[in-house]
């Protein structure tokens, strides 16, 4: 039997309460079992749910596409909660698995980034992977999932990688020398060593400060309910046109 939890943007509280009443849903919290999590909001709401409630990876996520950025939406167009839940109960959907990254106790769906703690100066770094190592200077370093390359990585002129690819992508923010080009790697572990203290962010949220960081492929994947097709390139082009 399908059971539902809800995580919502604060201004959508009235809609969330209506969904909870009609479908006996509960607010998202860990320690309570449920089969599906409804995201009422956009991608930012989804990322906030991942940050606050790691147990979201134990359920299938239904992203209703009610935000400004809805790359991870479950349907090509925003879907009313009643229709989405009816289709879930009828098993009229499929599940897309999305990779994650883990670093310093945080889990990222898109990317883990590193920047000099002291603004206005270059970050000196060394990156060690199973394929070898590379050193250089740049304003920042980004380690991304394949689907995350449609986000922040775009600003570094990095590649956009199919979400099904079994890789991580390392790119550089304003590199000091032209030889530093984005890397597409099969490594399961990327170590980042820096000359002076750097700030690590996970999907835009600060995740720690230090001089040595380890980014690993996440053991858990986000299971996203999809109604119809998950047309990755269409979503990428839609996002790029909105920039």
Foldseek 3Di string as FASTA:
>chain_A
DAAEEEFEDVVCVVVVVVCCVVRVYYHDDPPDDGAEYEYHEAVVSVQVCCFVHVCLLVHAYAYQHNYPAHLQHQEPDRDRPVVVVVCVVVVQWAKDWFWWKDKLHGIARFKKKKAAPDPPDWWWKKKQFPVGIDTFIARMKIKTQLLNCLPPVVQQVADRHDRPDQWIKMGGHGTPDPVGGIDTGNTQKMKMFTPDKMWMAGVRHTNDIDGIMMMGIDPGIHIYIHRDDSPSVVSSVVSVVVD
